[in-house]
Amino acid sequence: YYYINTKTNLLAKTVGTVDINGTATEISTTYSDYKKNDQGYTFAYKQDTPQGPITYDKISTNIQVDEKIFTN
């Protein structure tokens, strides 16, 4: 399930079920601290997960990638 904040239209929370050792377990993640990155895209810089919080200092998009990493 995806929960959208009706005032901002941003993702507030996700809830799903995963199989852990044969037991269906509900997992939820909340998203906050939304900011625009240097390229103007909006991201949640904080995620609260069952494993603990995840905080991002910087999120980059459209980064140049060396094409050599895709060859054998």
N, C-alpha and C. Protein backbone atom coordinates (compact mmCIF):
# COMPACT_ATOMS: atom_id res chain seq x y z
N TYR A 1 0.83 -1.16 0.00
CA TYR A 1 0.00 0.00 0.00
C TYR A 1 0.89 1.24 0.00
N TYR A 2 0.45 2.25 -0.72
CA TYR A 2 1.16 3.52 -0.77
C TYR A 2 0.25 4.59 -0.17
N TYR A 3 0.76 5.31 0.81
CA TYR A 3 0.00 6.39 1.44
C TYR A 3 0.60 7.72 0.99
N ILE A 4 -0.24 8.54 0.38
CA ILE A 4 0.19 9.82 -0.17
C ILE A 4 -0.35 10.95 0.70
N ASN A 5 0.51 11.90 1.03
CA ASN A 5 0.10 13.08 1.78
C ASN A 5 -0.78 13.93 0.87
N THR A 6 -2.01 14.18 1.27
CA THR A 6 -2.96 14.90 0.40
C THR A 6 -2.62 16.38 0.25
N LYS A 7 -1.86 16.94 1.17
CA LYS A 7 -1.49 18.36 1.07
C LYS A 7 -0.28 18.58 0.16
N THR A 8 0.67 17.62 0.18
CA THR A 8 1.91 17.79 -0.60
C THR A 8 1.96 16.89 -1.83
N ASN A 9 1.11 15.86 -1.88
CA ASN A 9 1.13 14.83 -2.93
C ASN A 9 2.43 14.04 -2.94
N LEU A 10 3.10 13.98 -1.80
CA LEU A 10 4.34 13.21 -1.69
C LEU A 10 4.07 11.93 -0.91
N LEU A 11 4.90 10.92 -1.18
CA LEU A 11 4.77 9.63 -0.51
C LEU A 11 5.05 9.79 0.99
N ALA A 12 4.11 9.35 1.82
CA ALA A 12 4.27 9.46 3.26
C ALA A 12 4.67 8.13 3.88
N LYS A 13 4.13 7.02 3.33
CA LYS A 13 4.35 5.71 3.94
C LYS A 13 4.06 4.62 2.93
N THR A 14 4.79 3.50 3.06
CA THR A 14 4.48 2.29 2.31
C THR A 14 4.30 1.15 3.30
N VAL A 15 3.39 0.25 2.99
CA VAL A 15 3.15 -0.93 3.83
C VAL A 15 3.03 -2.12 2.89
N GLY A 16 3.76 -3.17 3.21
CA GLY A 16 3.71 -4.38 2.40
C GLY A 16 3.93 -5.60 3.28
N THR A 17 3.73 -6.76 2.70
CA THR A 17 3.93 -8.02 3.40
C THR A 17 5.05 -8.79 2.74
N VAL A 18 5.97 -9.28 3.55
CA VAL A 18 7.07 -10.11 3.05
C VAL A 18 7.06 -11.44 3.80
N ASP A 19 7.63 -12.45 3.17
CA ASP A 19 7.72 -13.77 3.78
C ASP A 19 9.06 -13.88 4.50
N ILE A 20 9.03 -14.01 5.81
CA ILE A 20 10.24 -14.18 6.61
C ILE A 20 10.17 -15.54 7.27
N ASN A 21 11.00 -16.47 6.78
CA ASN A 21 11.03 -17.85 7.31
C ASN A 21 9.66 -18.50 7.33
N GLY A 22 8.88 -18.28 6.26
CA GLY A 22 7.58 -18.90 6.14
C GLY A 22 6.45 -18.17 6.83
N THR A 23 6.75 -17.03 7.43
CA THR A 23 5.72 -16.25 8.12
C THR A 23 5.51 -14.93 7.41
N ALA A 24 4.27 -14.63 7.07
CA ALA A 24 3.95 -13.35 6.44
C ALA A 24 4.10 -12.25 7.48
N THR A 25 4.95 -11.27 7.17
CA THR A 25 5.23 -10.19 8.11
C THR A 25 4.97 -8.85 7.43
N GLU A 26 4.23 -7.99 8.11
CA GLU A 26 3.94 -6.67 7.55
C GLU A 26 5.13 -5.74 7.81
N ILE A 27 5.57 -5.06 6.77
CA ILE A 27 6.69 -4.13 6.84
C ILE A 27 6.19 -2.75 6.42
N SER A 28 6.50 -1.72 7.22
CA SER A 28 6.11 -0.37 6.83
C SER A 28 7.33 0.54 6.86
N THR A 29 7.34 1.50 5.96
CA THR A 29 8.40 2.50 5.87
C THR A 29 7.75 3.86 5.76
N THR A 30 8.21 4.82 6.56
CA THR A 30 7.71 6.18 6.44
C THR A 30 8.79 7.07 5.83
N TYR A 31 8.36 8.06 5.08
CA TYR A 31 9.27 8.94 4.34
C TYR A 31 9.06 10.37 4.80
N SER A 32 10.18 11.09 5.01
CA SER A 32 10.08 12.47 5.48
C SER A 32 11.31 13.27 5.04
N ASP A 33 11.38 14.51 5.48
CA ASP A 33 12.47 15.43 5.17
C ASP A 33 12.67 15.55 3.65
N TYR A 34 11.58 15.86 2.97
CA TYR A 34 11.65 16.01 1.51
C TYR A 34 12.38 17.29 1.14
N LYS A 35 13.33 17.16 0.19
CA LYS A 35 14.09 18.30 -0.32
C LYS A 35 14.36 18.08 -1.80
N LYS A 36 14.64 19.16 -2.50
CA LYS A 36 15.06 19.06 -3.90
C LYS A 36 16.57 18.89 -3.93
N ASN A 37 17.03 18.01 -4.84
CA ASN A 37 18.47 17.86 -4.99
C ASN A 37 19.00 18.95 -5.93
N ASP A 38 20.29 18.91 -6.24
CA ASP A 38 20.92 19.94 -7.07
C ASP A 38 20.29 20.04 -8.46
N GLN A 39 19.71 18.94 -8.95
CA GLN A 39 19.09 18.94 -10.27
C GLN A 39 17.61 19.30 -10.21
N GLY A 40 17.07 19.56 -9.03
CA GLY A 40 15.69 20.00 -8.89
C GLY A 40 14.66 18.90 -8.68
N TYR A 41 15.11 17.65 -8.50
CA TYR A 41 14.20 16.53 -8.24
C TYR A 41 13.96 16.41 -6.74
N THR A 42 12.73 16.11 -6.35
CA THR A 42 12.37 16.01 -4.95
C THR A 42 12.52 14.57 -4.45
N PHE A 43 13.20 14.42 -3.31
CA PHE A 43 13.41 13.11 -2.70
C PHE A 43 13.18 13.20 -1.20
N ALA A 44 12.80 12.05 -0.60
CA ALA A 44 12.73 11.94 0.86
C ALA A 44 14.15 11.67 1.35
N TYR A 45 14.69 12.56 2.15
CA TYR A 45 16.04 12.40 2.65
C TYR A 45 16.08 11.58 3.94
N LYS A 46 14.90 11.19 4.44
CA LYS A 46 14.84 10.32 5.62
C LYS A 46 13.78 9.25 5.41
N GLN A 47 14.15 8.01 5.76
CA GLN A 47 13.23 6.88 5.71
C GLN A 47 13.31 6.16 7.05
N ASP A 48 12.17 5.91 7.66
CA ASP A 48 12.14 5.12 8.90
C ASP A 48 11.66 3.72 8.54
N THR A 49 12.55 2.74 8.72
CA THR A 49 12.28 1.36 8.35
C THR A 49 12.30 0.48 9.60
N PRO A 50 11.81 -0.76 9.51
CA PRO A 50 11.89 -1.66 10.66
C PRO A 50 13.34 -1.93 11.11
N GLN A 51 14.29 -1.81 10.19
CA GLN A 51 15.70 -2.03 10.54
C GLN A 51 16.35 -0.78 11.14
N GLY A 52 15.64 0.34 11.14
CA GLY A 52 16.15 1.59 11.68
C GLY A 52 16.06 2.70 10.65
N PRO A 53 16.37 3.91 11.06
CA PRO A 53 16.25 5.05 10.14
C PRO A 53 17.40 5.09 9.11
N ILE A 54 17.08 5.60 7.94
CA ILE A 54 18.06 5.83 6.88
C ILE A 54 18.00 7.31 6.55
N THR A 55 19.15 7.98 6.61
CA THR A 55 19.21 9.41 6.31
C THR A 55 20.24 9.63 5.21
N TYR A 56 19.86 10.41 4.20
CA TYR A 56 20.75 10.73 3.09
C TYR A 56 21.24 12.16 3.24
N ASP A 57 22.53 12.36 3.04
CA ASP A 57 23.10 13.71 3.06
C ASP A 57 22.97 14.38 1.70
N LYS A 58 23.13 13.57 0.63
CA LYS A 58 23.08 14.10 -0.73
C LYS A 58 22.56 13.02 -1.66
N ILE A 59 21.68 13.41 -2.58
CA ILE A 59 21.18 12.50 -3.60
C ILE A 59 21.47 13.14 -4.95
N SER A 60 22.22 12.43 -5.80
CA SER A 60 22.59 12.94 -7.13
C SER A 60 21.86 12.16 -8.21
N THR A 61 21.51 12.84 -9.28
CA THR A 61 20.85 12.20 -10.41
C THR A 61 21.57 12.58 -11.69
N ASN A 62 21.36 11.79 -12.73
CA ASN A 62 21.94 12.02 -14.05
C ASN A 62 23.47 12.15 -14.00
N ILE A 63 24.10 11.23 -13.27
CA ILE A 63 25.55 11.23 -13.13
C ILE A 63 26.17 10.53 -14.34
N GLN A 64 27.28 11.07 -14.82
CA GLN A 64 28.00 10.43 -15.92
C GLN A 64 28.54 9.08 -15.45
N VAL A 65 28.35 8.05 -16.28
CA VAL A 65 28.80 6.71 -15.96
C VAL A 65 29.78 6.25 -17.04
N ASP A 66 30.89 5.70 -16.61
CA ASP A 66 31.87 5.18 -17.56
C ASP A 66 31.29 3.94 -18.23
N GLU A 67 31.14 3.95 -19.54
CA GLU A 67 30.53 2.85 -20.29
C GLU A 67 31.33 1.56 -20.16
N LYS A 68 32.58 1.61 -19.78
CA LYS A 68 33.42 0.43 -19.64
C LYS A 68 32.89 -0.53 -18.58
N ILE A 69 32.12 -0.03 -17.62
CA ILE A 69 31.62 -0.93 -16.57
C ILE A 69 30.55 -1.90 -17.10
N PHE A 70 30.04 -1.66 -18.32
CA PHE A 70 29.01 -2.52 -18.89
C PHE A 70 29.58 -3.55 -19.85
N THR A 71 30.90 -3.62 -20.00
CA THR A 71 31.52 -4.59 -20.90
C THR A 71 32.30 -5.60 -20.10
N ASN A 72 32.50 -6.76 -20.71
CA ASN A 72 33.27 -7.83 -20.04
C ASN A 72 34.73 -7.65 -20.27
